[in-house]
C-alpha atoms as a PDB file:
ATOM      1  CA  MET A   1      92.603  15.168 -34.716  1.00  0.00           C
ATOM      2  CA  ARG A   2      92.472  18.969 -34.669  1.00  0.00           C
ATOM      3  CA  ASN A   3      88.728  18.966 -35.332  1.00  0.00           C
ATOM      4  CA  THR A   4      88.152  16.504 -32.514  1.00  0.00           C
ATOM      5  CA  ALA A   5      90.106  18.731 -30.105  1.00  0.00           C
ATOM      6  CA  LEU A   6      88.143  21.813 -31.254  1.00  0.00           C
ATOM      7  CA  ILE A   7      84.806  20.020 -30.798  1.00  0.00           C
ATOM      8  CA  PHE A   8      85.924  18.835 -27.346  1.00  0.00           C
ATOM      9  CA  VAL A   9      86.943  22.381 -26.301  1.00  0.00           C
ATOM     10  CA  LEU A  10      83.622  23.795 -27.558  1.00  0.00           C
ATOM     11  CA  PHE A  11      81.675  21.072 -25.726  1.00  0.00           C
ATOM     12  CA  VAL A  12      83.542  21.608 -22.443  1.00  0.00           C
ATOM     13  CA  SER A  13      83.288  25.410 -22.609  1.00  0.00           C
ATOM     14  CA  SER A  14      79.554  25.286 -23.369  1.00  0.00           C
ATOM     15  CA  TRP A  15      79.061  22.869 -20.456  1.00  0.00           C
ATOM     16  CA  VAL A  16      81.022  25.163 -18.103  1.00  0.00           C
ATOM     17  CA  PHE A  17      78.984  28.198 -19.152  1.00  0.00           C
ATOM     18  CA  SER A  18      75.709  26.300 -18.769  1.00  0.00           C
ATOM     19  CA  GLN A  19      76.768  25.295 -15.247  1.00  0.00           C
ATOM     20  CA  GLY A  20      77.593  28.936 -14.549  1.00  0.00           C
ATOM     21  CA  ASN A  21      73.915  29.832 -14.354  1.00  0.00           C
ATOM     22  CA  ASN A  22      73.578  27.956 -11.064  1.00  0.00           C
ATOM     23  CA  PHE A  23      75.716  30.287  -8.970  1.00  0.00           C
ATOM     24  CA  SER A  24      76.641  33.911  -8.460  1.00  0.00           C
ATOM     25  CA  SER A  25      79.310  35.904  -6.706  1.00  0.00           C
ATOM     26  CA  SER A  26      79.130  38.856  -4.358  1.00  0.00           C
ATOM     27  CA  VAL A  27      81.409  41.301  -2.597  1.00  0.00           C
ATOM     28  CA  GLY A  28      80.786  42.988   0.711  1.00  0.00           C
ATOM     29  CA  PHE A  29      82.228  45.526   3.085  1.00  0.00           C
ATOM     30  CA  SER A  30      81.457  46.043   6.765  1.00  0.00           C
ATOM     31  CA  GLY A  31      82.778  48.108   9.612  1.00  0.00           C
ATOM     32  CA  GLY A  32      82.118  48.008  13.323  1.00  0.00           C
ATOM     33  CA  TYR A  33      83.308  47.001  16.751  1.00  0.00           C
ATOM     34  CA  ALA A  34      86.387  44.884  17.352  1.00  0.00           C
ATOM     35  CA  GLU A  35      87.681  44.279  20.874  1.00  0.00           C
ATOM     36  CA  ASP A  36      89.283  47.493  22.206  1.00  0.00           C
ATOM     37  CA  GLY A  37      88.674  49.373  18.929  1.00  0.00           C
ATOM     38  CA  TYR A  38      87.355  49.248  15.389  1.00  0.00           C
ATOM     39  CA  GLY A  39      87.322  46.581  12.718  1.00  0.00           C
ATOM     40  CA  PHE A  40      86.822  46.578   8.958  1.00  0.00           C
ATOM     41  CA  LYS A  41      86.082  43.568   6.811  1.00  0.00           C
ATOM     42  CA  GLY A  42      85.974  43.008   3.043  1.00  0.00           C
ATOM     43  CA  THR A  43      84.514  39.776   1.666  1.00  0.00           C
ATOM     44  CA  PHE A  44      84.212  37.883  -1.597  1.00  0.00           C
ATOM     45  CA  ASN A  45      81.511  35.195  -1.679  1.00  0.00           C
ATOM     46  CA  TYR A  46      81.254  32.436  -4.256  1.00  0.00           C
ATOM     47  CA  HIS A  47      77.661  31.199  -4.024  1.00  0.00           C
ATOM     48  CA  LEU A  48      77.528  27.467  -4.667  1.00  0.00           C
ATOM     49  CA  ASN A  49      73.707  27.575  -4.659  1.00  0.00           C
ATOM     50  CA  ARG A  50      70.936  29.526  -2.904  1.00  0.00           C
ATOM     51  CA  ASN A  51      71.839  28.145   0.505  1.00  0.00           C
ATOM     52  CA  ARG A  52      75.645  27.753   0.562  1.00  0.00           C
ATOM     53  CA  TYR A  53      78.648  29.905  -0.235  1.00  0.00           C
ATOM     54  CA  ALA A  54      82.402  29.899   0.141  1.00  0.00           C
ATOM     55  CA  GLN A  55      83.804  33.136   1.524  1.00  0.00           C
ATOM     56  CA  LEU A  56      87.235  34.755   1.416  1.00  0.00           C
ATOM     57  CA  SER A  57      87.557  37.711   3.805  1.00  0.00           C
ATOM     58  CA  ILE A  58      90.169  40.284   4.693  1.00  0.00           C
ATOM     59  CA  PHE A  59      89.898  41.743   8.200  1.00  0.00           C
ATOM     60  CA  ALA A  60      91.714  44.672   9.827  1.00  0.00           C
ATOM     61  CA  ALA A  61      91.393  45.807  13.447  1.00  0.00           C
ATOM     62  CA  ILE A  62      92.735  49.038  14.900  1.00  0.00           C
ATOM     63  CA  ALA A  63      92.669  48.898  18.676  1.00  0.00           C
ATOM     64  CA  GLU A  64      94.318  49.916  21.923  1.00  0.00           C
ATOM     65  CA  ASP A  65      94.629  47.772  25.050  1.00  0.00           C
ATOM     66  CA  LYS A  66      93.894  50.025  28.013  1.00  0.00           C
ATOM     67  CA  ALA A  67      94.364  47.511  30.847  1.00  0.00           C
ATOM     68  CA  SER A  68      97.223  49.235  32.685  1.00  0.00           C
ATOM     69  CA  PHE A  69      98.960  51.118  29.864  1.00  0.00           C
ATOM     70  CA  ASN A  70      97.639  52.305  26.523  1.00  0.00           C
ATOM     71  CA  ILE A  71      99.194  49.800  24.130  1.00  0.00           C
ATOM     72  CA  PRO A  72      98.084  50.124  20.500  1.00  0.00           C
ATOM     73  CA  TYR A  73      97.785  47.039  18.336  1.00  0.00           C
ATOM     74  CA  ASN A  74      96.594  46.126  14.853  1.00  0.00           C
ATOM     75  CA  ILE A  75      95.404  42.808  13.484  1.00  0.00           C
ATOM     76  CA  PHE A  76      95.350  41.961   9.767  1.00  0.00           C
ATOM     77  CA  THR A  77      93.964  38.573   8.708  1.00  0.00           C
ATOM     78  CA  VAL A  78      92.755  36.560   5.724  1.00  0.00           C
ATOM     79  CA  GLN A  79      89.872  34.189   6.401  1.00  0.00           C
ATOM     80  CA  PRO A  80      88.719  31.415   4.075  1.00  0.00           C
ATOM     81  CA  GLY A  81      85.356  30.072   5.190  1.00  0.00           C
ATOM     82  CA  TYR A  82      82.127  28.292   4.337  1.00  0.00           C
ATOM     83  CA  PHE A  83      78.588  29.514   5.147  1.00  0.00           C
ATOM     84  CA  LEU A  84      75.123  27.905   5.189  1.00  0.00           C
ATOM     85  CA  LYS A  85      71.760  29.625   5.144  1.00  0.00           C
ATOM     86  CA  VAL A  86      69.913  28.418   8.254  1.00  0.00           C
ATOM     87  CA  TRP A  87      66.794  30.603   7.997  1.00  0.00           C
ATOM     88  CA  GLU A  88      65.058  32.638   5.318  1.00  0.00           C
ATOM     89  CA  GLN A  89      61.772  34.550   5.301  1.00  0.00           C
ATOM     90  CA  ARG A  90      59.248  32.258   3.617  1.00  0.00           C
ATOM     91  CA  ASN A  91      57.139  34.432   1.322  1.00  0.00           C
ATOM     92  CA  PHE A  92      59.328  37.265   0.095  1.00  0.00           C
ATOM     93  CA  LYS A  93      62.813  35.918   0.913  1.00  0.00           C
ATOM     94  CA  ARG A  94      63.811  39.369   2.121  1.00  0.00           C
ATOM     95  CA  TYR A  95      65.506  38.320   5.386  1.00  0.00           C
ATOM     96  CA  ALA A  96      68.034  35.537   5.872  1.00  0.00           C
ATOM     97  CA  LEU A  97      70.401  34.215   8.511  1.00  0.00           C
ATOM     98  CA  ASN A  98      73.688  32.510   7.566  1.00  0.00           C
ATOM     99  CA  VAL A  99      76.088  30.593   9.835  1.00  0.00           C
ATOM    100  CA  GLY A 100      79.623  29.582   8.968  1.00  0.00           C
ATOM    101  CA  GLY A 101      83.214  29.210   9.954  1.00  0.00           C
ATOM    102  CA  GLY A 102      86.705  28.660   8.678  1.00  0.00           C
ATOM    103  CA  GLY A 103      90.381  29.420   9.177  1.00  0.00           C
ATOM    104  CA  VAL A 104      92.200  32.617  10.164  1.00  0.00           C
ATOM    105  CA  PHE A 105      95.714  33.506   9.036  1.00  0.00           C
ATOM    106  CA  GLY A 106      97.354  36.878   9.574  1.00  0.00           C
ATOM    107  CA  TYR A 107      99.660  39.172  11.474  1.00  0.00           C
ATOM    108  CA  GLU A 108      99.301  41.181  14.677  1.00  0.00           C
ATOM    109  CA  ILE A 109     101.375  44.296  15.334  1.00  0.00           C
ATOM    110  CA  ILE A 110     101.708  45.238  19.011  1.00  0.00           C
ATOM    111  CA  ASN A 111     102.807  48.764  20.040  1.00  0.00           C
ATOM    112  CA  ASN A 112     103.766  49.540  16.430  1.00  0.00           C
ATOM    113  CA  GLY A 113     106.447  46.856  16.598  1.00  0.00           C
ATOM    114  CA  ASN A 114     108.253  48.525  19.525  1.00  0.00           C
ATOM    115  CA  ARG A 115     108.951  46.198  22.486  1.00  0.00           C
ATOM    116  CA  SER A 116     109.474  49.054  24.997  1.00  0.00           C
ATOM    117  CA  LEU A 117     106.812  51.381  26.390  1.00  0.00           C
ATOM    118  CA  SER A 118     107.168  55.128  26.947  1.00  0.00           C
ATOM    119  CA  ASN A 119     107.799  54.557  30.693  1.00  0.00           C
ATOM    120  CA  GLY A 120     110.711  52.193  29.947  1.00  0.00           C
ATOM    121  CA  ALA A 121     108.845  48.951  30.615  1.00  0.00           C
ATOM    122  CA  ILE A 122     109.540  46.073  28.234  1.00  0.00           C
ATOM    123  CA  LEU A 123     106.595  44.270  26.625  1.00  0.00           C
ATOM    124  CA  ASP A 124     106.494  40.509  26.917  1.00  0.00           C
ATOM    125  CA  ALA A 125     104.210  40.362  23.845  1.00  0.00           C
ATOM    126  CA  LYS A 126     105.623  40.633  20.347  1.00  0.00           C
ATOM    127  CA  SER A 127     104.346  41.263  16.829  1.00  0.00           C
ATOM    128  CA  GLN A 128     103.913  37.949  15.044  1.00  0.00           C
ATOM    129  CA  PHE A 129     102.054  35.825  12.533  1.00  0.00           C
ATOM    130  CA  ILE A 130      98.819  34.427  13.965  1.00  0.00           C
ATOM    131  CA  TYR A 131      96.503  31.616  12.970  1.00  0.00           C
ATOM    132  CA  GLY A 132      93.323  29.988  14.184  1.00  0.00           C
ATOM    133  CA  VAL A 133      89.647  29.493  13.366  1.00  0.00           C
ATOM    134  CA  PHE A 134      86.466  31.568  13.389  1.00  0.00           C
ATOM    135  CA  LEU A 135      82.706  31.161  13.722  1.00  0.00           C
ATOM    136  CA  GLY A 136      80.494  33.658  11.944  1.00  0.00           C
ATOM    137  CA  LEU A 137      76.878  34.765  11.860  1.00  0.00           C
ATOM    138  CA  GLU A 138      75.490  36.952   9.067  1.00  0.00           C
ATOM    139  CA  GLY A 139      72.045  38.516   9.032  1.00  0.00           C
ATOM    140  CA  GLU A 140      71.046  39.676   5.568  1.00  0.00           C
ATOM    141  CA  ILE A 141      68.277  42.082   4.564  1.00  0.00           C
ATOM    142  CA  THR A 142      67.664  42.212   0.808  1.00  0.00           C
ATOM    143  CA  LEU A 143      67.410  45.802  -0.457  1.00  0.00           C
ATOM    144  CA  SER A 144      67.203  45.050  -4.216  1.00  0.00           C
ATOM    145  CA  ASN A 145      68.286  42.372  -6.696  1.00  0.00           C
ATOM    146  CA  ASP A 146      71.859  43.642  -6.429  1.00  0.00           C
ATOM    147  CA  PHE A 147      72.257  44.880  -2.829  1.00  0.00           C
ATOM    148  CA  SER A 148      71.791  43.494   0.682  1.00  0.00           C
ATOM    149  CA  LEU A 149      72.334  45.030   4.095  1.00  0.00           C
ATOM    150  CA  LEU A 150      74.543  42.868   6.347  1.00  0.00           C
ATOM    151  CA  LEU A 151      74.728  42.425  10.094  1.00  0.00           C
ATOM    152  CA  LYS A 152      77.904  40.453  10.867  1.00  0.00           C
ATOM    153  CA  ALA A 153      79.209  38.875  14.063  1.00  0.00           C
ATOM    154  CA  ASN A 154      82.393  36.807  14.199  1.00  0.00           C
ATOM    155  CA  GLU A 155      84.275  35.208  17.055  1.00  0.00           C
ATOM    156  CA  TYR A 156      87.918  34.495  16.271  1.00  0.00           C
ATOM    157  CA  PHE A 157      90.081  31.996  18.104  1.00  0.00           C
ATOM    158  CA  HIS A 158      93.738  32.924  17.549  1.00  0.00           C
ATOM    159  CA  ILE A 159      95.769  29.971  18.762  1.00  0.00           C
ATOM    160  CA  ASN A 160      99.056  31.832  19.214  1.00  0.00           C
ATOM    161  CA  SER A 161      98.037  35.493  19.734  1.00  0.00           C
ATOM    162  CA  ASP A 162      99.632  37.680  22.401  1.00  0.00           C
ATOM    163  CA  VAL A 163      96.611  40.041  22.270  1.00  0.00           C
ATOM    164  CA  GLY A 164      94.143  37.344  23.271  1.00  0.00           C
ATOM    165  CA  GLN A 165      92.956  34.026  21.961  1.00  0.00           C
ATOM    166  CA  PHE A 166      89.276  34.971  21.674  1.00  0.00           C
ATOM    167  CA  TYR A 167      88.638  38.088  19.626  1.00  0.00           C
ATOM    168  CA  PRO A 168      85.115  39.349  18.715  1.00  0.00           C
ATOM    169  CA  TYR A 169      83.931  41.445  15.773  1.00  0.00           C
ATOM    170  CA  ALA A 170      80.453  42.854  15.119  1.00  0.00           C
ATOM    171  CA  GLY A 171      79.694  45.084  12.172  1.00  0.00           C
ATOM    172  CA  LEU A 172      77.202  46.550   9.759  1.00  0.00           C
ATOM    173  CA  GLY A 173      77.800  46.519   6.020  1.00  0.00           C
ATOM    174  CA  ILE A 174      76.555  46.092   2.489  1.00  0.00           C
ATOM    175  CA  ARG A 175      76.804  43.255  -0.036  1.00  0.00           C
ATOM    176  CA  TYR A 176      76.725  43.680  -3.816  1.00  0.00           C
ATOM    177  CA  PHE A 177      75.883  40.724  -6.080  1.00  0.00           C
ATOM    178  CA  LEU A 178      78.117  40.697  -9.160  1.00  0.00           C
ATOM    179  CA  PHE A 179      76.004  38.367 -11.334  1.00  0.00           C
END
């Protein structure tokens, strides 16, 4: 019985490792424009094949609403998503365009958590957990076997945000392929 279990474990582990040659993983970092300020995004991609990958991102925005008063706010979110390659340069495969989307879960902090402004006015908005969906577009320029330059654009739809339901991000970054 023990030998059968050992043979089964060896068979399953060799099958898993042989399947492992069909995918890779990558990490990326980008920074750029977020509405009213700056945004930074870190990503982990699990490439299912050459044309599809699952992505887990962490996004942070540092901004200030300047409509009538200067009201600082920060947004911190986690974004699970799925991307498809929709275009790739034919001969050298140096340029690619990926489209995807997914969910958004996070927290927004308005006026550093303070409900009153410096002039005594009380904010109607409050710091809170937010959720929603996003659509993303990634342009990729291959620099080497391990690195790519990224051009990212995301549009977030926060269902319950007091900052605004639609929230854009556009950034420039780099992606490193782990294996």
